[in-house]
C-alpha atoms as a PDB file:
ATOM      1  CA  UNK A   1      -5.389  -4.739   2.168  1.00  0.00           C
ATOM      2  CA  UNK A   2      -6.854  -1.770   0.312  1.00  0.00           C
ATOM      3  CA  UNK A   3     -10.457  -2.047  -0.799  1.00  0.00           C
ATOM      4  CA  UNK A   4     -10.822  -0.935  -4.415  1.00  0.00           C
ATOM      5  CA  UNK A   5     -14.561  -1.563  -4.869  1.00  0.00           C
ATOM      6  CA  UNK A   6     -17.175  -1.265  -2.124  1.00  0.00           C
ATOM      7  CA  UNK A   7     -20.956  -1.195  -2.267  1.00  0.00           C
ATOM      8  CA  UNK A   8     -23.592  -1.131   0.442  1.00  0.00           C
ATOM      9  CA  UNK A   9     -27.230  -2.037  -0.229  1.00  0.00           C
ATOM     10  CA  UNK A  10     -26.718  -1.137  -3.887  1.00  0.00           C
ATOM     11  CA  UNK A  11     -30.079  -1.460  -5.626  1.00  0.00           C
ATOM     12  CA  UNK A  12     -31.386  -0.932  -9.136  1.00  0.00           C
ATOM     13  CA  UNK A  13     -35.054  -1.149 -10.020  1.00  0.00           C
ATOM     14  CA  UNK A  14     -36.952  -0.555 -13.238  1.00  0.00           C
ATOM     15  CA  UNK A  15     -40.546   0.105 -12.297  1.00  0.00           C
ATOM     16  CA  UNK A  16     -41.524  -2.757 -10.013  1.00  0.00           C
ATOM     17  CA  UNK A  17     -38.739  -5.029 -11.287  1.00  0.00           C
ATOM     18  CA  UNK A  18     -35.639  -5.212  -9.080  1.00  0.00           C
ATOM     19  CA  UNK A  19     -32.543  -6.059 -11.135  1.00  0.00           C
ATOM     20  CA  UNK A  20     -29.944  -5.682  -8.360  1.00  0.00           C
ATOM     21  CA  UNK A  21     -31.154  -6.086  -4.797  1.00  0.00           C
ATOM     22  CA  UNK A  22     -29.233  -4.555  -1.841  1.00  0.00           C
ATOM     23  CA  UNK A  23     -25.794  -5.609  -3.033  1.00  0.00           C
ATOM     24  CA  UNK A  24     -22.865  -5.507  -0.571  1.00  0.00           C
ATOM     25  CA  UNK A  25     -19.420  -5.938  -2.128  1.00  0.00           C
ATOM     26  CA  UNK A  26     -15.832  -5.558  -0.897  1.00  0.00           C
ATOM     27  CA  UNK A  27     -13.152  -6.228  -3.502  1.00  0.00           C
ATOM     28  CA  UNK A  28      -9.529  -5.917  -2.455  1.00  0.00           C
ATOM     29  CA  UNK A  29      -6.607  -4.524  -4.433  1.00  0.00           C
ATOM     30  CA  UNK A  30      -4.836  -7.071  -6.614  1.00  0.00           C
ATOM     31  CA  UNK A  31      -7.397  -9.867  -6.341  1.00  0.00           C
ATOM     32  CA  UNK A  32      -9.431 -11.596  -9.025  1.00  0.00           C
ATOM     33  CA  UNK A  33     -13.051 -11.458  -7.888  1.00  0.00           C
ATOM     34  CA  UNK A  34     -15.860 -13.313  -9.650  1.00  0.00           C
ATOM     35  CA  UNK A  35     -19.476 -12.276 -10.103  1.00  0.00           C
ATOM     36  CA  UNK A  36     -21.100 -15.617 -10.812  1.00  0.00           C
ATOM     37  CA  UNK A  37     -24.629 -16.130 -12.054  1.00  0.00           C
ATOM     38  CA  UNK A  38     -26.800 -16.941 -15.083  1.00  0.00           C
ATOM     39  CA  UNK A  39     -27.550 -14.402 -17.778  1.00  0.00           C
ATOM     40  CA  UNK A  40     -30.068 -11.907 -16.445  1.00  0.00           C
ATOM     41  CA  UNK A  41     -28.976 -12.314 -12.828  1.00  0.00           C
ATOM     42  CA  UNK A  42     -27.864  -8.670 -12.503  1.00  0.00           C
ATOM     43  CA  UNK A  43     -24.131  -8.908 -13.186  1.00  0.00           C
ATOM     44  CA  UNK A  44     -23.981  -6.484 -16.125  1.00  0.00           C
ATOM     45  CA  UNK A  45     -26.246  -3.944 -14.404  1.00  0.00           C
ATOM     46  CA  UNK A  46     -23.909  -4.054 -11.398  1.00  0.00           C
ATOM     47  CA  UNK A  47     -20.921  -3.392 -13.650  1.00  0.00           C
ATOM     48  CA  UNK A  48     -22.632  -0.466 -15.343  1.00  0.00           C
ATOM     49  CA  UNK A  49     -23.381   1.084 -11.943  1.00  0.00           C
ATOM     50  CA  UNK A  50     -19.740   0.655 -10.932  1.00  0.00           C
ATOM     51  CA  UNK A  51     -18.705   2.515 -14.080  1.00  0.00           C
ATOM     52  CA  UNK A  52     -21.201   5.330 -13.590  1.00  0.00           C
ATOM     53  CA  UNK A  53     -23.082   4.342 -16.738  1.00  0.00           C
ATOM     54  CA  UNK A  54     -26.289   3.428 -14.884  1.00  0.00           C
ATOM     55  CA  UNK A  55     -27.732   5.400 -11.974  1.00  0.00           C
ATOM     56  CA  UNK A  56     -28.422   3.277  -8.869  1.00  0.00           C
ATOM     57  CA  UNK A  57     -31.908   3.513  -7.422  1.00  0.00           C
ATOM     58  CA  UNK A  58     -30.439   3.574  -3.924  1.00  0.00           C
ATOM     59  CA  UNK A  59     -27.433   2.453  -1.928  1.00  0.00           C
ATOM     60  CA  UNK A  60     -23.780   3.451  -1.716  1.00  0.00           C
ATOM     61  CA  UNK A  61     -20.938   2.683  -4.080  1.00  0.00           C
ATOM     62  CA  UNK A  62     -17.199   3.457  -4.191  1.00  0.00           C
ATOM     63  CA  UNK A  63     -14.602   2.620  -6.824  1.00  0.00           C
ATOM     64  CA  UNK A  64     -11.038   3.545  -5.867  1.00  0.00           C
ATOM     65  CA  UNK A  65     -12.498   5.890  -3.258  1.00  0.00           C
ATOM     66  CA  UNK A  66     -14.734   7.650  -5.802  1.00  0.00           C
ATOM     67  CA  UNK A  67     -18.505   7.629  -6.154  1.00  0.00           C
ATOM     68  CA  UNK A  68     -19.230   6.848  -9.828  1.00  0.00           C
ATOM     69  CA  UNK A  69     -22.441   8.880  -9.676  1.00  0.00           C
ATOM     70  CA  UNK A  70     -20.585  12.118  -8.951  1.00  0.00           C
ATOM     71  CA  UNK A  71     -17.174  11.295 -10.467  1.00  0.00           C
ATOM     72  CA  UNK A  72     -17.928   9.182 -13.577  1.00  0.00           C
ATOM     73  CA  UNK A  73     -15.106  10.621 -15.677  1.00  0.00           C
ATOM     74  CA  UNK A  74     -12.485  10.041 -12.965  1.00  0.00           C
ATOM     75  CA  UNK A  75     -13.712   6.477 -12.483  1.00  0.00           C
ATOM     76  CA  UNK A  76     -13.534   5.776 -16.207  1.00  0.00           C
ATOM     77  CA  UNK A  77      -9.977   7.100 -16.291  1.00  0.00           C
ATOM     78  CA  UNK A  78      -8.905   4.623 -13.631  1.00  0.00           C
ATOM     79  CA  UNK A  79     -10.978   1.588 -14.599  1.00  0.00           C
ATOM     80  CA  UNK A  80     -10.558  -0.541 -17.716  1.00  0.00           C
ATOM     81  CA  UNK A  81     -13.679  -2.232 -19.060  1.00  0.00           C
ATOM     82  CA  UNK A  82     -14.140  -5.104 -21.492  1.00  0.00           C
ATOM     83  CA  UNK A  83     -17.842  -5.491 -22.376  1.00  0.00           C
ATOM     84  CA  UNK A  84     -19.410  -8.746 -23.493  1.00  0.00           C
ATOM     85  CA  UNK A  85     -19.595  -7.554 -27.108  1.00  0.00           C
ATOM     86  CA  UNK A  86     -16.317  -5.781 -27.823  1.00  0.00           C
ATOM     87  CA  UNK A  87     -16.058  -3.758 -31.049  1.00  0.00           C
ATOM     88  CA  UNK A  88     -13.210  -2.256 -33.055  1.00  0.00           C
ATOM     89  CA  UNK A  89     -12.703  -0.420 -36.318  1.00  0.00           C
ATOM     90  CA  UNK A  90     -12.299  -3.454 -38.577  1.00  0.00           C
ATOM     91  CA  UNK A  91     -10.271  -1.810 -41.386  1.00  0.00           C
ATOM     92  CA  UNK A  92      -7.712  -0.597 -38.817  1.00  0.00           C
ATOM     93  CA  UNK A  93      -5.019  -2.895 -37.478  1.00  0.00           C
ATOM     94  CA  UNK A  94      -4.853  -3.939 -33.869  1.00  0.00           C
ATOM     95  CA  UNK A  95      -2.023  -1.450 -33.354  1.00  0.00           C
ATOM     96  CA  UNK A  96      -3.995   1.366 -34.983  1.00  0.00           C
ATOM     97  CA  UNK A  97      -7.018   0.654 -32.807  1.00  0.00           C
ATOM     98  CA  UNK A  98      -4.861   0.942 -29.692  1.00  0.00           C
ATOM     99  CA  UNK A  99      -3.316   4.170 -30.992  1.00  0.00           C
ATOM    100  CA  UNK A 100      -6.819   5.573 -31.403  1.00  0.00           C
ATOM    101  CA  UNK A 101      -7.647   4.679 -27.792  1.00  0.00           C
ATOM    102  CA  UNK A 102      -4.377   6.180 -26.575  1.00  0.00           C
ATOM    103  CA  UNK A 103      -5.127   9.480 -28.313  1.00  0.00           C
ATOM    104  CA  UNK A 104      -8.676   9.493 -26.903  1.00  0.00           C
ATOM    105  CA  UNK A 105      -7.162   9.202 -23.423  1.00  0.00           C
ATOM    106  CA  UNK A 106      -4.781  12.085 -24.084  1.00  0.00           C
ATOM    107  CA  UNK A 107      -1.626   9.964 -23.957  1.00  0.00           C
ATOM    108  CA  UNK A 108       1.667  11.047 -25.501  1.00  0.00           C
ATOM    109  CA  UNK A 109       4.612   8.886 -26.558  1.00  0.00           C
ATOM    110  CA  UNK A 110       2.498   5.708 -26.464  1.00  0.00           C
ATOM    111  CA  UNK A 111       4.201   3.496 -29.080  1.00  0.00           C
ATOM    112  CA  UNK A 112       6.315   1.560 -26.558  1.00  0.00           C
ATOM    113  CA  UNK A 113       3.250   1.093 -24.372  1.00  0.00           C
ATOM    114  CA  UNK A 114       1.252  -0.297 -27.291  1.00  0.00           C
ATOM    115  CA  UNK A 115       4.042  -2.714 -28.218  1.00  0.00           C
ATOM    116  CA  UNK A 116       4.192  -3.887 -24.615  1.00  0.00           C
ATOM    117  CA  UNK A 117       0.432  -4.416 -24.378  1.00  0.00           C
ATOM    118  CA  UNK A 118       0.239  -6.292 -27.668  1.00  0.00           C
ATOM    119  CA  UNK A 119       2.977  -8.590 -26.412  1.00  0.00           C
ATOM    120  CA  UNK A 120       1.254  -8.982 -23.048  1.00  0.00           C
ATOM    121  CA  UNK A 121      -1.958 -10.243 -24.675  1.00  0.00           C
ATOM    122  CA  UNK A 122      -0.154 -12.408 -27.225  1.00  0.00           C
ATOM    123  CA  UNK A 123      -0.901 -10.312 -30.308  1.00  0.00           C
ATOM    124  CA  UNK A 124       2.584  -9.092 -31.117  1.00  0.00           C
ATOM    125  CA  UNK A 125       2.724 -11.076 -34.375  1.00  0.00           C
ATOM    126  CA  UNK A 126      -0.757  -9.881 -35.431  1.00  0.00           C
ATOM    127  CA  UNK A 127      -0.303  -6.236 -34.423  1.00  0.00           C
ATOM    128  CA  UNK A 128      -0.461  -4.915 -37.984  1.00  0.00           C
ATOM    129  CA  UNK A 129      -3.219  -7.230 -39.168  1.00  0.00           C
ATOM    130  CA  UNK A 130      -6.676  -5.700 -39.750  1.00  0.00           C
ATOM    131  CA  UNK A 131      -8.881  -6.143 -36.696  1.00  0.00           C
ATOM    132  CA  UNK A 132     -11.662  -7.342 -38.983  1.00  0.00           C
ATOM    133  CA  UNK A 133      -9.526 -10.404 -39.730  1.00  0.00           C
ATOM    134  CA  UNK A 134      -9.112 -11.274 -36.049  1.00  0.00           C
ATOM    135  CA  UNK A 135     -10.841 -14.302 -34.544  1.00  0.00           C
ATOM    136  CA  UNK A 136     -13.270 -13.748 -31.651  1.00  0.00           C
ATOM    137  CA  UNK A 137     -10.569 -14.790 -29.205  1.00  0.00           C
ATOM    138  CA  UNK A 138      -8.060 -12.378 -30.723  1.00  0.00           C
ATOM    139  CA  UNK A 139     -10.590  -9.561 -30.505  1.00  0.00           C
ATOM    140  CA  UNK A 140     -11.208 -10.354 -26.845  1.00  0.00           C
ATOM    141  CA  UNK A 141      -7.481 -10.197 -26.159  1.00  0.00           C
ATOM    142  CA  UNK A 142      -7.224  -6.943 -28.105  1.00  0.00           C
ATOM    143  CA  UNK A 143     -10.092  -5.721 -25.938  1.00  0.00           C
ATOM    144  CA  UNK A 144      -8.044  -6.434 -22.823  1.00  0.00           C
ATOM    145  CA  UNK A 145      -5.101  -4.515 -24.298  1.00  0.00           C
ATOM    146  CA  UNK A 146      -7.461  -1.666 -25.207  1.00  0.00           C
ATOM    147  CA  UNK A 147      -8.780  -1.565 -21.625  1.00  0.00           C
ATOM    148  CA  UNK A 148      -5.210  -1.449 -20.301  1.00  0.00           C
ATOM    149  CA  UNK A 149      -3.989   1.424 -22.499  1.00  0.00           C
ATOM    150  CA  UNK A 150      -4.781   4.027 -19.834  1.00  0.00           C
ATOM    151  CA  UNK A 151      -2.972   2.041 -17.125  1.00  0.00           C
ATOM    152  CA  UNK A 152      -6.028   1.240 -14.976  1.00  0.00           C
ATOM    153  CA  UNK A 153      -5.862   0.017 -11.398  1.00  0.00           C
ATOM    154  CA  UNK A 154      -9.049  -1.988 -11.910  1.00  0.00           C
ATOM    155  CA  UNK A 155     -10.056  -4.132 -14.880  1.00  0.00           C
ATOM    156  CA  UNK A 156     -13.713  -5.182 -15.278  1.00  0.00           C
ATOM    157  CA  UNK A 157     -14.418  -8.073 -17.634  1.00  0.00           C
ATOM    158  CA  UNK A 158     -17.995  -8.956 -18.595  1.00  0.00           C
ATOM    159  CA  UNK A 159     -18.210 -12.540 -19.942  1.00  0.00           C
ATOM    160  CA  UNK A 160     -14.727 -12.299 -21.508  1.00  0.00           C
ATOM    161  CA  UNK A 161     -14.651 -15.901 -22.796  1.00  0.00           C
ATOM    162  CA  UNK A 162     -18.044 -16.024 -24.528  1.00  0.00           C
ATOM    163  CA  UNK A 163     -17.840 -17.743 -27.947  1.00  0.00           C
ATOM    164  CA  UNK A 164     -14.074 -18.260 -27.659  1.00  0.00           C
ATOM    165  CA  UNK A 165     -12.557 -21.619 -28.609  1.00  0.00           C
ATOM    166  CA  UNK A 166     -11.047 -23.739 -25.782  1.00  0.00           C
ATOM    167  CA  UNK A 167      -7.488 -22.661 -26.577  1.00  0.00           C
ATOM    168  CA  UNK A 168      -8.532 -19.009 -26.481  1.00  0.00           C
ATOM    169  CA  UNK A 169     -10.271 -19.545 -23.137  1.00  0.00           C
ATOM    170  CA  UNK A 170      -7.088 -20.924 -21.612  1.00  0.00           C
ATOM    171  CA  UNK A 171      -5.094 -17.981 -22.977  1.00  0.00           C
ATOM    172  CA  UNK A 172      -7.620 -15.509 -21.521  1.00  0.00           C
ATOM    173  CA  UNK A 173      -7.588 -17.126 -18.066  1.00  0.00           C
ATOM    174  CA  UNK A 174      -3.788 -17.186 -18.001  1.00  0.00           C
ATOM    175  CA  UNK A 175      -3.756 -13.511 -18.973  1.00  0.00           C
ATOM    176  CA  UNK A 176      -6.198 -12.620 -16.175  1.00  0.00           C
ATOM    177  CA  UNK A 177      -4.019 -14.371 -13.594  1.00  0.00           C
ATOM    178  CA  UNK A 178      -0.913 -12.688 -14.950  1.00  0.00           C
ATOM    179  CA  UNK A 179      -2.469  -9.220 -14.777  1.00  0.00           C
ATOM    180  CA  UNK A 180      -3.386  -9.698 -11.127  1.00  0.00           C
ATOM    181  CA  UNK A 181      -0.207 -11.410  -9.948  1.00  0.00           C
ATOM    182  CA  UNK A 182       2.432  -9.612 -12.028  1.00  0.00           C
ATOM    183  CA  UNK A 183       0.837  -6.254 -12.776  1.00  0.00           C
ATOM    184  CA  UNK A 184      -1.113  -5.814  -9.520  1.00  0.00           C
ATOM    185  CA  UNK A 185      -4.369  -5.103 -11.370  1.00  0.00           C
ATOM    186  CA  UNK A 186      -7.627  -5.735  -9.516  1.00  0.00           C
ATOM    187  CA  UNK A 187      -9.820  -7.855 -11.803  1.00  0.00           C
ATOM    188  CA  UNK A 188     -13.588  -8.122 -11.535  1.00  0.00           C
ATOM    189  CA  UNK A 189     -14.755 -11.037 -13.687  1.00  0.00           C
ATOM    190  CA  UNK A 190     -18.465 -11.476 -14.420  1.00  0.00           C
ATOM    191  CA  UNK A 191     -19.376 -14.849 -15.866  1.00  0.00           C
ATOM    192  CA  UNK A 192     -21.940 -17.636 -15.928  1.00  0.00           C
ATOM    193  CA  UNK A 193     -19.218 -20.255 -16.549  1.00  0.00           C
ATOM    194  CA  UNK A 194     -18.522 -21.823 -13.166  1.00  0.00           C
ATOM    195  CA  UNK A 195     -15.375 -23.781 -13.949  1.00  0.00           C
ATOM    196  CA  UNK A 196     -13.688 -20.727 -15.464  1.00  0.00           C
ATOM    197  CA  UNK A 197     -14.520 -18.571 -12.463  1.00  0.00           C
ATOM    198  CA  UNK A 198     -13.143 -21.217 -10.120  1.00  0.00           C
ATOM    199  CA  UNK A 199      -9.954 -21.466 -12.193  1.00  0.00           C
ATOM    200  CA  UNK A 200      -8.883 -17.848 -11.598  1.00  0.00           C
ATOM    201  CA  UNK A 201     -11.013 -16.192  -8.899  1.00  0.00           C
ATOM    202  CA  UNK A 202      -9.882 -16.050  -5.285  1.00  0.00           C
ATOM    203  CA  UNK A 203     -13.354 -15.029  -4.101  1.00  0.00           C
ATOM    204  CA  UNK A 204     -16.771 -15.089  -5.706  1.00  0.00           C
ATOM    205  CA  UNK A 205     -20.211 -13.567  -5.224  1.00  0.00           C
ATOM    206  CA  UNK A 206     -23.066 -15.807  -6.332  1.00  0.00           C
ATOM    207  CA  UNK A 207     -25.940 -13.949  -8.019  1.00  0.00           C
ATOM    208  CA  UNK A 208     -29.459 -15.400  -8.083  1.00  0.00           C
ATOM    209  CA  UNK A 209     -32.407 -13.241  -9.230  1.00  0.00           C
ATOM    210  CA  UNK A 210     -30.576  -9.964  -8.588  1.00  0.00           C
ATOM    211  CA  UNK A 211     -29.370 -10.922  -5.119  1.00  0.00           C
ATOM    212  CA  UNK A 212     -25.944 -11.972  -3.945  1.00  0.00           C
ATOM    213  CA  UNK A 213     -26.904 -15.053  -1.957  1.00  0.00           C
ATOM    214  CA  UNK A 214     -23.346 -15.991  -0.971  1.00  0.00           C
ATOM    215  CA  UNK A 215     -19.898 -14.422  -1.071  1.00  0.00           C
ATOM    216  CA  UNK A 216     -16.405 -15.633  -0.167  1.00  0.00           C
ATOM    217  CA  UNK A 217     -13.798 -18.198  -1.172  1.00  0.00           C
ATOM    218  CA  UNK A 218     -15.037 -21.605  -2.352  1.00  0.00           C
ATOM    219  CA  UNK A 219     -13.777 -23.022   0.947  1.00  0.00           C
ATOM    220  CA  UNK A 220     -15.756 -20.457   2.951  1.00  0.00           C
ATOM    221  CA  UNK A 221     -18.898 -21.086   0.923  1.00  0.00           C
ATOM    222  CA  UNK A 222     -18.565 -24.844   1.361  1.00  0.00           C
ATOM    223  CA  UNK A 223     -18.140 -24.359   5.119  1.00  0.00           C
ATOM    224  CA  UNK A 224     -21.767 -23.215   5.341  1.00  0.00           C
ATOM    225  CA  UNK A 225     -22.658 -26.895   5.427  1.00  0.00           C
ATOM    226  CA  UNK A 226     -20.200 -27.597   8.238  1.00  0.00           C
ATOM    227  CA  UNK A 227     -21.511 -30.386  10.425  1.00  0.00           C
ATOM    228  CA  UNK A 228     -23.040 -32.242   7.481  1.00  0.00           C
ATOM    229  CA  UNK A 229     -21.499 -34.972   5.363  1.00  0.00           C
ATOM    230  CA  UNK A 230     -18.909 -33.967   2.782  1.00  0.00           C
ATOM    231  CA  UNK A 231     -17.784 -35.770  -0.365  1.00  0.00           C
ATOM    232  CA  UNK A 232     -14.066 -36.291  -0.843  1.00  0.00           C
ATOM    233  CA  UNK A 233     -12.173 -37.782  -3.771  1.00  0.00           C
ATOM    234  CA  UNK A 234      -9.039 -39.723  -2.792  1.00  0.00           C
ATOM    235  CA  UNK A 235      -6.367 -40.648  -5.332  1.00  0.00           C
ATOM    236  CA  UNK A 236      -4.627 -43.763  -4.059  1.00  0.00           C
ATOM    237  CA  UNK A 237      -1.703 -45.590  -5.622  1.00  0.00           C
ATOM    238  CA  UNK A 238      -1.075 -49.320  -5.815  1.00  0.00           C
ATOM    239  CA  UNK A 239      -3.575 -52.109  -6.421  1.00  0.00           C
ATOM    240  CA  UNK A 240      -7.075 -50.570  -6.873  1.00  0.00           C
ATOM    241  CA  UNK A 241      -8.897 -53.326  -4.943  1.00  0.00           C
ATOM    242  CA  UNK A 242      -6.509 -53.020  -2.013  1.00  0.00           C
ATOM    243  CA  UNK A 243      -6.728 -49.202  -2.098  1.00  0.00           C
ATOM    244  CA  UNK A 244     -10.518 -49.340  -1.934  1.00  0.00           C
ATOM    245  CA  UNK A 245     -10.397 -51.864   0.890  1.00  0.00           C
ATOM    246  CA  UNK A 246      -8.014 -49.620   2.836  1.00  0.00           C
ATOM    247  CA  UNK A 247     -10.375 -46.681   2.450  1.00  0.00           C
ATOM    248  CA  UNK A 248     -13.443 -48.712   3.432  1.00  0.00           C
ATOM    249  CA  UNK A 249     -11.662 -49.963   6.552  1.00  0.00           C
ATOM    250  CA  UNK A 250     -11.391 -46.442   7.987  1.00  0.00           C
ATOM    251  CA  UNK A 251     -14.095 -45.986  10.619  1.00  0.00           C
ATOM    252  CA  UNK A 252     -14.852 -42.411   9.577  1.00  0.00           C
ATOM    253  CA  UNK A 253     -15.838 -43.401   6.021  1.00  0.00           C
ATOM    254  CA  UNK A 254     -19.561 -43.850   5.351  1.00  0.00           C
ATOM    255  CA  UNK A 255     -19.409 -45.101   1.768  1.00  0.00           C
ATOM    256  CA  UNK A 256     -16.988 -45.535  -1.144  1.00  0.00           C
ATOM    257  CA  UNK A 257     -17.562 -45.323  -4.913  1.00  0.00           C
ATOM    258  CA  UNK A 258     -15.228 -45.124  -7.931  1.00  0.00           C
ATOM    259  CA  UNK A 259     -13.993 -41.623  -8.714  1.00  0.00           C
ATOM    260  CA  UNK A 260     -13.740 -39.715 -11.972  1.00  0.00           C
ATOM    261  CA  UNK A 261     -10.345 -41.114 -12.991  1.00  0.00           C
ATOM    262  CA  UNK A 262      -8.709 -44.537 -12.531  1.00  0.00           C
ATOM    263  CA  UNK A 263      -7.151 -44.880  -9.091  1.00  0.00           C
ATOM    264  CA  UNK A 264      -9.546 -42.422  -7.448  1.00  0.00           C
ATOM    265  CA  UNK A 265     -12.312 -43.136  -4.969  1.00  0.00           C
ATOM    266  CA  UNK A 266     -15.111 -40.926  -3.680  1.00  0.00           C
ATOM    267  CA  UNK A 267     -16.056 -41.261  -0.020  1.00  0.00           C
ATOM    268  CA  UNK A 268     -18.747 -39.683   2.161  1.00  0.00           C
ATOM    269  CA  UNK A 269     -17.402 -38.349   5.464  1.00  0.00           C
ATOM    270  CA  UNK A 270     -18.536 -36.285   8.387  1.00  0.00           C
ATOM    271  CA  UNK A 271     -17.190 -32.746   7.908  1.00  0.00           C
ATOM    272  CA  UNK A 272     -14.863 -33.145  10.902  1.00  0.00           C
ATOM    273  CA  UNK A 273     -13.457 -36.487   9.746  1.00  0.00           C
ATOM    274  CA  UNK A 274     -11.270 -35.501   6.787  1.00  0.00           C
ATOM    275  CA  UNK A 275      -7.993 -35.165   8.688  1.00  0.00           C
ATOM    276  CA  UNK A 276      -8.492 -38.408  10.721  1.00  0.00           C
ATOM    277  CA  UNK A 277      -9.351 -40.257   7.501  1.00  0.00           C
ATOM    278  CA  UNK A 278      -6.164 -39.139   5.759  1.00  0.00           C
ATOM    279  CA  UNK A 279      -4.128 -39.981   8.871  1.00  0.00           C
ATOM    280  CA  UNK A 280      -5.750 -43.417   9.014  1.00  0.00           C
ATOM    281  CA  UNK A 281      -4.910 -44.107   5.395  1.00  0.00           C
ATOM    282  CA  UNK A 282      -1.269 -43.060   5.807  1.00  0.00           C
ATOM    283  CA  UNK A 283      -0.771 -45.023   9.036  1.00  0.00           C
ATOM    284  CA  UNK A 284      -2.344 -48.055   7.340  1.00  0.00           C
ATOM    285  CA  UNK A 285       0.234 -47.939   4.556  1.00  0.00           C
ATOM    286  CA  UNK A 286      -1.939 -46.512   1.792  1.00  0.00           C
ATOM    287  CA  UNK A 287      -0.226 -44.558  -0.978  1.00  0.00           C
ATOM    288  CA  UNK A 288      -2.161 -41.255  -0.797  1.00  0.00           C
ATOM    289  CA  UNK A 289      -1.485 -39.299  -4.006  1.00  0.00           C
ATOM    290  CA  UNK A 290      -4.154 -36.625  -3.681  1.00  0.00           C
ATOM    291  CA  UNK A 291      -7.213 -35.503  -1.700  1.00  0.00           C
ATOM    292  CA  UNK A 292      -9.917 -33.245  -3.155  1.00  0.00           C
ATOM    293  CA  UNK A 293     -13.137 -32.057  -1.506  1.00  0.00           C
ATOM    294  CA  UNK A 294     -15.848 -32.322  -4.145  1.00  0.00           C
ATOM    295  CA  UNK A 295     -18.266 -30.211  -2.147  1.00  0.00           C
ATOM    296  CA  UNK A 296     -15.892 -27.277  -2.654  1.00  0.00           C
ATOM    297  CA  UNK A 297     -16.356 -27.400  -6.425  1.00  0.00           C
ATOM    298  CA  UNK A 298     -17.997 -24.141  -7.413  1.00  0.00           C
ATOM    299  CA  UNK A 299     -20.600 -26.006  -9.443  1.00  0.00           C
ATOM    300  CA  UNK A 300     -21.749 -27.918  -6.353  1.00  0.00           C
ATOM    301  CA  UNK A 301     -21.778 -24.770  -4.217  1.00  0.00           C
ATOM    302  CA  UNK A 302     -23.657 -22.747  -6.822  1.00  0.00           C
ATOM    303  CA  UNK A 303     -26.275 -25.434  -7.354  1.00  0.00           C
ATOM    304  CA  UNK A 304     -26.934 -25.586  -3.613  1.00  0.00           C
ATOM    305  CA  UNK A 305     -27.465 -21.834  -3.265  1.00  0.00           C
ATOM    306  CA  UNK A 306     -29.491 -21.629  -6.465  1.00  0.00           C
ATOM    307  CA  UNK A 307     -31.822 -24.426  -5.330  1.00  0.00           C
ATOM    308  CA  UNK A 308     -32.317 -22.804  -1.923  1.00  0.00           C
ATOM    309  CA  UNK A 309     -33.199 -19.442  -3.509  1.00  0.00           C
ATOM    310  CA  UNK A 310     -35.590 -21.091  -5.963  1.00  0.00           C
ATOM    311  CA  UNK A 311     -37.333 -22.881  -3.089  1.00  0.00           C
ATOM    312  CA  UNK A 312     -37.770 -19.586  -1.233  1.00  0.00           C
ATOM    313  CA  UNK A 313     -39.270 -17.932  -4.316  1.00  0.00           C
ATOM    314  CA  UNK A 314     -41.796 -20.730  -4.925  1.00  0.00           C
ATOM    315  CA  UNK A 315     -42.884 -21.243  -1.282  1.00  0.00           C
END
């Protein structure tokens, strides 16, 4: 695959304070990549360096083969950006705001494009409504359309679901997936909301105190603890008491507790015992509906890395 964003030992310091510390990133074309970390972890500073809006202290950086330090205008032409606090001209309609952006980017014959983008983000019916009357979620979606006016290959979203209602969050996540899968846009999503990142991102980089302490798919990050016990949730059909007894009878199972929903059970296993456990259940006649490794939840993975980094700082 083609790498669209690459950094090596990218660092930003202000005086003696290091905001981003020796960051290595490789983001491939067409993927949704998550920068995950609390506010103040260095995510926004990283984005601003990628856009050529902040000068790195040291390190190397490439966006679509360009160095943002020496080619900031070219990078901005090819990269769409939705900041955390998106703003529009409130008296102007959503359509008029997009027309303004199109003219700023030197586009001609852009009306069909604007109609298409408004439909893409679900604002076709509100296209001629004043932007000042839009909800926060509508403004965020208009912000995505605004970032897409110039036809970027890369879309960078900084906390795109902040202060949006649950329905708006779902709409935004669906839109992000659609842009990557159907439009081939590379999406870099910076967020502190773990469950949202896990919902759409194929790979993530976990930020703690300016450092990326882990990077990869949730499965790859969970594999760091290979050789240790894992927690697995089994959804089993039939009589609950019998299902639990079947699970407890498997020799590879160390303990069983009720799961999060009726008919599910959480078991502790050795990391190499998942496949034998499932096979044992099936051969014993259990109705296995689903199997889910809880230690691959991004929340669990993040907490583990965050705690390790905090321990290193305090010792």
